N, C-alpha and C. Protein backbone atom coordinates (compact mmCIF):
# COMPACT_ATOMS: atom_id res chain seq x y z
N MET A 1 7.65 -10.82 -6.55
CA MET A 1 8.10 -9.96 -5.49
C MET A 1 9.04 -10.76 -4.59
N ASP A 2 10.20 -10.20 -4.32
CA ASP A 2 11.19 -10.83 -3.46
C ASP A 2 11.00 -10.33 -2.04
N TYR A 3 10.35 -11.13 -1.19
CA TYR A 3 10.05 -10.71 0.17
C TYR A 3 11.26 -10.80 1.09
N SER A 4 12.41 -11.23 0.59
CA SER A 4 13.62 -11.18 1.40
C SER A 4 14.19 -9.77 1.43
N LEU A 5 13.74 -8.92 0.49
CA LEU A 5 14.14 -7.51 0.50
C LEU A 5 13.21 -6.74 1.42
N ALA A 6 13.77 -5.93 2.30
CA ALA A 6 12.98 -5.18 3.26
C ALA A 6 12.14 -4.12 2.57
N ALA A 7 11.01 -3.79 3.19
CA ALA A 7 10.20 -2.64 2.77
C ALA A 7 10.80 -1.43 3.46
N LEU A 8 11.36 -0.52 2.70
CA LEU A 8 12.03 0.64 3.28
C LEU A 8 11.04 1.64 3.83
N LYS A 9 11.31 2.14 5.05
CA LYS A 9 10.53 3.23 5.63
C LYS A 9 11.02 4.52 4.98
N LEU A 10 10.13 5.15 4.21
CA LEU A 10 10.56 6.30 3.42
C LEU A 10 9.53 7.40 3.42
N LEU A 11 9.97 8.57 2.98
CA LEU A 11 9.09 9.69 2.67
C LEU A 11 8.94 9.73 1.16
N CYS A 12 7.84 10.29 0.68
CA CYS A 12 7.60 10.35 -0.77
C CYS A 12 8.75 11.03 -1.50
N VAL A 13 9.31 12.07 -0.92
CA VAL A 13 10.40 12.79 -1.57
C VAL A 13 11.61 11.89 -1.80
N GLN A 14 11.84 10.94 -0.90
CA GLN A 14 12.98 10.03 -1.06
C GLN A 14 12.78 9.07 -2.22
N LEU A 15 11.55 8.69 -2.49
CA LEU A 15 11.28 7.78 -3.61
C LEU A 15 11.68 8.40 -4.95
N GLY A 16 11.69 9.72 -5.01
CA GLY A 16 12.11 10.40 -6.23
C GLY A 16 13.57 10.17 -6.57
N SER A 17 14.38 9.77 -5.58
CA SER A 17 15.81 9.51 -5.80
C SER A 17 16.11 8.05 -6.11
N ALA A 18 15.09 7.20 -6.09
CA ALA A 18 15.31 5.78 -6.36
C ALA A 18 15.55 5.54 -7.84
N HIS A 19 16.41 4.57 -8.13
CA HIS A 19 16.74 4.22 -9.52
C HIS A 19 16.41 2.75 -9.76
N GLN A 20 15.82 2.47 -10.91
CA GLN A 20 15.49 1.09 -11.26
C GLN A 20 16.77 0.34 -11.63
N THR A 21 16.86 -0.91 -11.18
CA THR A 21 18.02 -1.73 -11.51
C THR A 21 17.79 -2.40 -12.86
N THR A 22 18.86 -2.77 -13.51
CA THR A 22 18.74 -3.40 -14.83
C THR A 22 18.62 -4.92 -14.73
N SER A 23 19.15 -5.50 -13.67
CA SER A 23 19.19 -6.96 -13.59
C SER A 23 18.01 -7.56 -12.85
N GLN A 24 17.30 -6.78 -12.05
CA GLN A 24 16.20 -7.31 -11.26
C GLN A 24 15.00 -6.37 -11.36
N ASN A 25 13.86 -6.86 -10.96
CA ASN A 25 12.67 -6.02 -10.89
C ASN A 25 12.71 -5.31 -9.53
N ALA A 26 13.68 -4.42 -9.36
CA ALA A 26 13.90 -3.75 -8.08
C ALA A 26 14.44 -2.35 -8.32
N PHE A 27 14.61 -1.64 -7.22
CA PHE A 27 15.14 -0.28 -7.25
C PHE A 27 16.26 -0.16 -6.25
N THR A 28 17.08 0.86 -6.42
CA THR A 28 18.12 1.15 -5.44
C THR A 28 17.94 2.57 -4.96
N LEU A 29 18.27 2.76 -3.70
CA LEU A 29 18.28 4.07 -3.09
C LEU A 29 19.55 4.13 -2.25
N GLY A 30 20.53 4.88 -2.74
CA GLY A 30 21.81 4.95 -2.04
C GLY A 30 22.47 3.60 -1.88
N GLY A 31 22.30 2.72 -2.84
CA GLY A 31 22.91 1.39 -2.78
C GLY A 31 22.05 0.35 -2.10
N ILE A 32 20.90 0.73 -1.56
CA ILE A 32 20.00 -0.22 -0.90
C ILE A 32 19.02 -0.75 -1.93
N LEU A 33 18.99 -2.07 -2.09
CA LEU A 33 18.09 -2.71 -3.04
C LEU A 33 16.73 -2.91 -2.39
N PHE A 34 15.65 -2.51 -3.08
CA PHE A 34 14.31 -2.69 -2.53
C PHE A 34 13.28 -2.82 -3.63
N GLN A 35 12.14 -3.40 -3.28
CA GLN A 35 10.99 -3.50 -4.18
C GLN A 35 9.75 -2.89 -3.54
N ARG A 36 9.73 -2.88 -2.21
CA ARG A 36 8.56 -2.39 -1.48
C ARG A 36 8.92 -1.17 -0.64
N ALA A 37 7.92 -0.31 -0.46
CA ALA A 37 8.10 0.89 0.36
C ALA A 37 7.05 0.91 1.46
N TRP A 38 7.40 1.53 2.57
CA TRP A 38 6.51 1.71 3.71
C TRP A 38 6.35 3.20 3.88
N LEU A 39 5.13 3.70 3.69
CA LEU A 39 4.82 5.12 3.79
C LEU A 39 3.69 5.34 4.77
N GLN A 40 3.59 6.56 5.30
CA GLN A 40 2.45 6.97 6.10
C GLN A 40 2.09 8.38 5.69
N GLY A 41 0.79 8.67 5.68
CA GLY A 41 0.35 10.00 5.34
C GLY A 41 -1.15 10.11 5.32
N VAL A 42 -1.62 11.24 4.82
CA VAL A 42 -3.04 11.57 4.80
C VAL A 42 -3.61 11.28 3.41
N LEU A 43 -4.77 10.63 3.36
CA LEU A 43 -5.44 10.41 2.08
C LEU A 43 -6.00 11.75 1.59
N VAL A 44 -5.67 12.10 0.34
CA VAL A 44 -6.11 13.38 -0.21
C VAL A 44 -7.05 13.19 -1.40
N SER A 45 -7.52 11.95 -1.60
CA SER A 45 -8.51 11.69 -2.65
C SER A 45 -9.39 10.53 -2.21
N THR A 46 -10.56 10.46 -2.79
CA THR A 46 -11.44 9.32 -2.58
C THR A 46 -11.10 8.27 -3.63
N PRO A 47 -11.49 7.02 -3.43
CA PRO A 47 -11.14 5.97 -4.40
C PRO A 47 -11.70 6.25 -5.79
N SER A 48 -10.85 6.04 -6.77
CA SER A 48 -11.23 6.12 -8.19
C SER A 48 -11.12 4.70 -8.73
N PHE A 49 -12.26 4.11 -9.07
CA PHE A 49 -12.30 2.69 -9.45
C PHE A 49 -12.01 2.48 -10.93
N SER A 50 -11.38 1.33 -11.24
CA SER A 50 -11.12 0.94 -12.63
C SER A 50 -11.22 -0.58 -12.72
N ASP A 51 -10.99 -1.13 -13.90
CA ASP A 51 -11.08 -2.58 -14.13
C ASP A 51 -12.43 -3.14 -13.66
N GLY A 52 -13.49 -2.43 -13.96
CA GLY A 52 -14.81 -2.90 -13.56
C GLY A 52 -14.98 -2.96 -12.06
N GLY A 53 -14.30 -2.10 -11.32
CA GLY A 53 -14.41 -2.08 -9.86
C GLY A 53 -13.47 -3.02 -9.15
N ARG A 54 -12.55 -3.66 -9.87
CA ARG A 54 -11.61 -4.61 -9.25
C ARG A 54 -10.39 -3.93 -8.68
N THR A 55 -10.10 -2.69 -9.06
CA THR A 55 -8.98 -1.94 -8.51
C THR A 55 -9.43 -0.49 -8.27
N ALA A 56 -8.72 0.17 -7.38
CA ALA A 56 -9.02 1.57 -7.10
C ALA A 56 -7.71 2.32 -6.87
N ARG A 57 -7.75 3.60 -7.15
CA ARG A 57 -6.59 4.46 -6.97
C ARG A 57 -6.94 5.52 -5.94
N LEU A 58 -6.01 5.74 -5.00
CA LEU A 58 -6.10 6.78 -3.99
C LEU A 58 -4.81 7.59 -4.04
N GLN A 59 -4.80 8.74 -3.41
CA GLN A 59 -3.56 9.50 -3.29
C GLN A 59 -3.27 9.76 -1.82
N LEU A 60 -2.00 9.59 -1.46
CA LEU A 60 -1.51 9.79 -0.10
C LEU A 60 -0.53 10.94 -0.11
N ASP A 61 -0.66 11.86 0.83
CA ASP A 61 0.27 12.99 0.98
C ASP A 61 0.95 12.85 2.33
N ASP A 62 2.28 12.76 2.32
CA ASP A 62 3.01 12.61 3.59
C ASP A 62 3.69 13.91 4.03
N GLY A 63 3.37 15.00 3.38
CA GLY A 63 3.97 16.28 3.73
C GLY A 63 5.20 16.60 2.91
N THR A 64 5.79 15.59 2.26
CA THR A 64 6.96 15.82 1.40
C THR A 64 6.62 15.60 -0.06
N GLY A 65 5.45 15.03 -0.32
CA GLY A 65 5.03 14.73 -1.68
C GLY A 65 3.79 13.85 -1.66
N VAL A 66 3.35 13.49 -2.84
CA VAL A 66 2.14 12.68 -3.00
C VAL A 66 2.50 11.38 -3.69
N ALA A 67 1.88 10.29 -3.24
CA ALA A 67 2.07 8.98 -3.87
C ALA A 67 0.71 8.45 -4.30
N ASP A 68 0.68 7.79 -5.44
CA ASP A 68 -0.53 7.11 -5.92
C ASP A 68 -0.56 5.72 -5.32
N LEU A 69 -1.69 5.36 -4.73
CA LEU A 69 -1.87 4.04 -4.13
C LEU A 69 -2.87 3.26 -4.98
N PHE A 70 -2.54 2.01 -5.27
CA PHE A 70 -3.43 1.14 -6.03
C PHE A 70 -3.90 0.01 -5.14
N LEU A 71 -5.22 -0.05 -4.93
CA LEU A 71 -5.84 -1.03 -4.04
C LEU A 71 -6.56 -2.09 -4.85
N SER A 72 -6.62 -3.31 -4.30
CA SER A 72 -7.40 -4.38 -4.90
C SER A 72 -7.85 -5.31 -3.79
N GLY A 73 -8.65 -6.30 -4.13
CA GLY A 73 -9.08 -7.32 -3.16
C GLY A 73 -9.92 -6.74 -2.03
N ASP A 74 -9.66 -7.24 -0.82
CA ASP A 74 -10.42 -6.85 0.37
C ASP A 74 -10.32 -5.37 0.70
N PHE A 75 -9.26 -4.72 0.26
CA PHE A 75 -9.10 -3.30 0.56
C PHE A 75 -10.21 -2.46 -0.07
N LEU A 76 -10.83 -2.98 -1.14
CA LEU A 76 -11.90 -2.24 -1.82
C LEU A 76 -13.19 -2.23 -1.00
N ASN A 77 -13.32 -3.16 -0.05
CA ASN A 77 -14.53 -3.25 0.76
C ASN A 77 -14.53 -2.28 1.92
N ARG A 78 -13.44 -1.62 2.17
CA ARG A 78 -13.34 -0.67 3.28
C ARG A 78 -13.70 0.73 2.80
N SER A 79 -14.05 1.57 3.75
CA SER A 79 -14.40 2.95 3.44
C SER A 79 -13.16 3.83 3.62
N TRP A 80 -12.64 4.36 2.53
CA TRP A 80 -11.47 5.23 2.55
C TRP A 80 -11.92 6.66 2.30
N GLU A 81 -11.61 7.56 3.22
CA GLU A 81 -12.08 8.93 3.14
C GLU A 81 -10.93 9.92 3.18
N ILE A 82 -11.15 11.05 2.53
CA ILE A 82 -10.16 12.14 2.56
C ILE A 82 -9.91 12.54 4.01
N GLY A 83 -8.65 12.71 4.36
CA GLY A 83 -8.27 13.13 5.71
C GLY A 83 -7.84 11.99 6.62
N MET A 84 -8.09 10.74 6.22
CA MET A 84 -7.65 9.61 7.03
C MET A 84 -6.13 9.54 7.01
N TYR A 85 -5.53 9.25 8.16
CA TYR A 85 -4.09 9.05 8.24
C TYR A 85 -3.84 7.55 8.19
N VAL A 86 -3.09 7.08 7.18
CA VAL A 86 -2.91 5.65 6.97
C VAL A 86 -1.43 5.27 6.88
N MET A 87 -1.18 4.01 7.20
CA MET A 87 0.12 3.38 6.99
C MET A 87 -0.05 2.45 5.80
N VAL A 88 0.90 2.49 4.86
CA VAL A 88 0.83 1.70 3.64
C VAL A 88 2.15 0.99 3.40
N VAL A 89 2.08 -0.29 3.07
CA VAL A 89 3.24 -1.06 2.62
C VAL A 89 2.85 -1.68 1.29
N GLY A 90 3.73 -1.55 0.30
CA GLY A 90 3.42 -2.15 -0.99
C GLY A 90 4.56 -2.06 -1.98
N GLY A 91 4.34 -2.69 -3.11
CA GLY A 91 5.33 -2.69 -4.18
C GLY A 91 5.46 -1.32 -4.80
N TYR A 92 6.69 -0.88 -5.00
CA TYR A 92 6.96 0.44 -5.59
C TYR A 92 7.11 0.29 -7.09
N PHE A 93 6.47 1.19 -7.84
CA PHE A 93 6.53 1.19 -9.29
C PHE A 93 6.72 2.60 -9.81
N VAL A 94 7.34 2.72 -10.95
CA VAL A 94 7.49 4.01 -11.61
C VAL A 94 6.52 4.03 -12.77
N GLY A 95 5.71 5.06 -12.81
CA GLY A 95 4.73 5.18 -13.89
C GLY A 95 5.03 6.39 -14.75
N ALA A 96 4.07 6.74 -15.57
CA ALA A 96 4.23 7.87 -16.49
C ALA A 96 4.10 9.21 -15.77
N GLY A 97 3.39 9.22 -14.63
CA GLY A 97 3.17 10.47 -13.90
C GLY A 97 4.35 10.84 -13.02
N ASP A 98 4.19 11.95 -12.33
CA ASP A 98 5.24 12.44 -11.44
C ASP A 98 5.25 11.74 -10.09
N ALA A 99 4.08 11.29 -9.64
CA ALA A 99 3.96 10.72 -8.31
C ALA A 99 4.46 9.28 -8.27
N PRO A 100 5.13 8.89 -7.16
CA PRO A 100 5.48 7.48 -6.98
C PRO A 100 4.21 6.64 -6.91
N MET A 101 4.30 5.39 -7.31
CA MET A 101 3.14 4.50 -7.31
C MET A 101 3.41 3.31 -6.40
N ILE A 102 2.43 2.99 -5.55
CA ILE A 102 2.54 1.87 -4.62
C ILE A 102 1.36 0.93 -4.85
N LYS A 103 1.66 -0.34 -5.16
CA LYS A 103 0.62 -1.37 -5.23
C LYS A 103 0.48 -1.92 -3.81
N VAL A 104 -0.61 -1.58 -3.16
CA VAL A 104 -0.79 -1.80 -1.72
C VAL A 104 -0.89 -3.28 -1.37
N HIS A 105 -0.03 -3.71 -0.42
CA HIS A 105 -0.09 -5.04 0.16
C HIS A 105 -0.74 -4.97 1.54
N LYS A 106 -0.56 -3.81 2.20
CA LYS A 106 -1.12 -3.61 3.54
C LYS A 106 -1.45 -2.14 3.70
N ILE A 107 -2.62 -1.85 4.24
CA ILE A 107 -3.02 -0.48 4.53
C ILE A 107 -3.81 -0.51 5.83
N VAL A 108 -3.44 0.39 6.75
CA VAL A 108 -4.07 0.44 8.07
C VAL A 108 -4.43 1.88 8.37
N ASP A 109 -5.67 2.08 8.84
CA ASP A 109 -6.11 3.41 9.27
C ASP A 109 -5.54 3.70 10.65
N LEU A 110 -4.67 4.71 10.74
CA LEU A 110 -4.06 5.09 12.02
C LEU A 110 -4.67 6.37 12.57
N SER A 111 -5.77 6.82 11.99
CA SER A 111 -6.39 8.09 12.39
C SER A 111 -6.70 8.18 13.89
N PRO A 112 -7.13 7.11 14.55
CA PRO A 112 -7.50 7.24 15.96
C PRO A 112 -6.32 7.44 16.92
N PHE A 113 -5.09 7.31 16.45
CA PHE A 113 -3.95 7.34 17.35
C PHE A 113 -3.30 8.73 17.39
N PRO A 114 -3.21 9.31 18.59
CA PRO A 114 -2.60 10.65 18.71
C PRO A 114 -1.09 10.59 18.43
N ASP A 115 -0.57 11.67 17.96
CA ASP A 115 0.87 11.82 17.70
C ASP A 115 1.41 10.88 16.63
N ARG A 116 0.56 10.29 15.83
CA ARG A 116 0.99 9.32 14.82
C ARG A 116 1.90 9.92 13.77
N GLU A 117 1.59 11.12 13.33
CA GLU A 117 2.38 11.72 12.25
C GLU A 117 3.77 12.12 12.73
N SER A 118 3.86 12.77 13.89
CA SER A 118 5.18 13.17 14.39
C SER A 118 6.04 11.95 14.71
N MET A 119 5.43 10.89 15.21
CA MET A 119 6.18 9.67 15.50
C MET A 119 6.73 9.05 14.22
N TRP A 120 5.96 9.13 13.12
CA TRP A 120 6.41 8.56 11.85
C TRP A 120 7.67 9.27 11.37
N TYR A 121 7.68 10.59 11.43
CA TYR A 121 8.86 11.33 10.98
C TYR A 121 10.07 10.95 11.82
N LEU A 122 9.89 10.76 13.12
CA LEU A 122 11.00 10.33 13.98
C LEU A 122 11.47 8.93 13.60
N GLU A 123 10.54 8.03 13.30
CA GLU A 123 10.92 6.67 12.89
C GLU A 123 11.75 6.69 11.61
N VAL A 124 11.30 7.46 10.62
CA VAL A 124 12.01 7.53 9.35
C VAL A 124 13.40 8.11 9.55
N MET A 125 13.50 9.15 10.38
CA MET A 125 14.81 9.75 10.65
C MET A 125 15.73 8.76 11.36
N GLU A 126 15.20 8.02 12.33
CA GLU A 126 16.02 7.06 13.07
C GLU A 126 16.48 5.92 12.17
N VAL A 127 15.59 5.39 11.35
CA VAL A 127 15.97 4.31 10.43
C VAL A 127 17.04 4.80 9.47
N PHE A 128 16.87 6.00 8.95
CA PHE A 128 17.87 6.54 8.03
C PHE A 128 19.22 6.65 8.72
N LYS A 129 19.22 7.22 9.92
CA LYS A 129 20.47 7.45 10.65
C LYS A 129 21.17 6.13 11.02
N LEU A 130 20.40 5.14 11.46
CA LEU A 130 20.99 3.88 11.92
C LEU A 130 21.36 2.92 10.79
N PHE A 131 20.52 2.85 9.76
CA PHE A 131 20.70 1.82 8.74
C PHE A 131 21.05 2.35 7.36
N TYR A 132 20.33 3.36 6.88
CA TYR A 132 20.50 3.80 5.51
C TYR A 132 21.72 4.71 5.34
N GLN A 133 21.92 5.66 6.25
CA GLN A 133 23.01 6.62 6.10
C GLN A 133 24.38 5.95 6.00
N PRO A 134 24.68 4.92 6.84
CA PRO A 134 25.99 4.26 6.68
C PRO A 134 26.19 3.68 5.28
N LEU A 135 25.13 3.16 4.67
CA LEU A 135 25.26 2.62 3.32
C LEU A 135 25.47 3.73 2.30
N PHE A 136 24.81 4.87 2.51
CA PHE A 136 25.00 6.02 1.62
C PHE A 136 26.46 6.49 1.71
N GLU A 137 27.00 6.53 2.94
CA GLU A 137 28.37 7.04 3.14
C GLU A 137 29.41 6.09 2.57
N GLU A 138 29.14 4.78 2.56
CA GLU A 138 30.07 3.80 1.99
C GLU A 138 30.28 4.05 0.50
N ARG A 139 29.25 4.55 -0.16
CA ARG A 139 29.31 4.78 -1.61
C ARG A 139 30.12 6.00 -1.96
N ASP A 140 30.27 6.92 -1.03
CA ASP A 140 31.00 8.18 -1.33
C ASP A 140 32.49 7.97 -1.39
């Protein structure tokens, strides 16, 4: 993982437009090179364990789509429940299914904070307008 590449603040629907690069283990979105994504949303599944309990899969819905989250390590010791609003940062992967896949590096329960969801949408819009949109327009 190349940590010099930023984790893009995105919505699930935007990940559907990402394209895998041929020269690196990375993706591009409107000319922006990335490996990690930063998402926020509501957990819509309970953990489904695999690898003898060493990994678990959850699903996150951000209102624009659903992403599969893969947890390991200390994250498995926490209680993850349907309806929790979480922030997730992790490596983005394309799998056989329709949903984007994120190998979680960081996950935080934001459920106790009021206005968290509306603030997230504003953050994503502001980041797009300030940083991503100019790069998209350069390509046109």
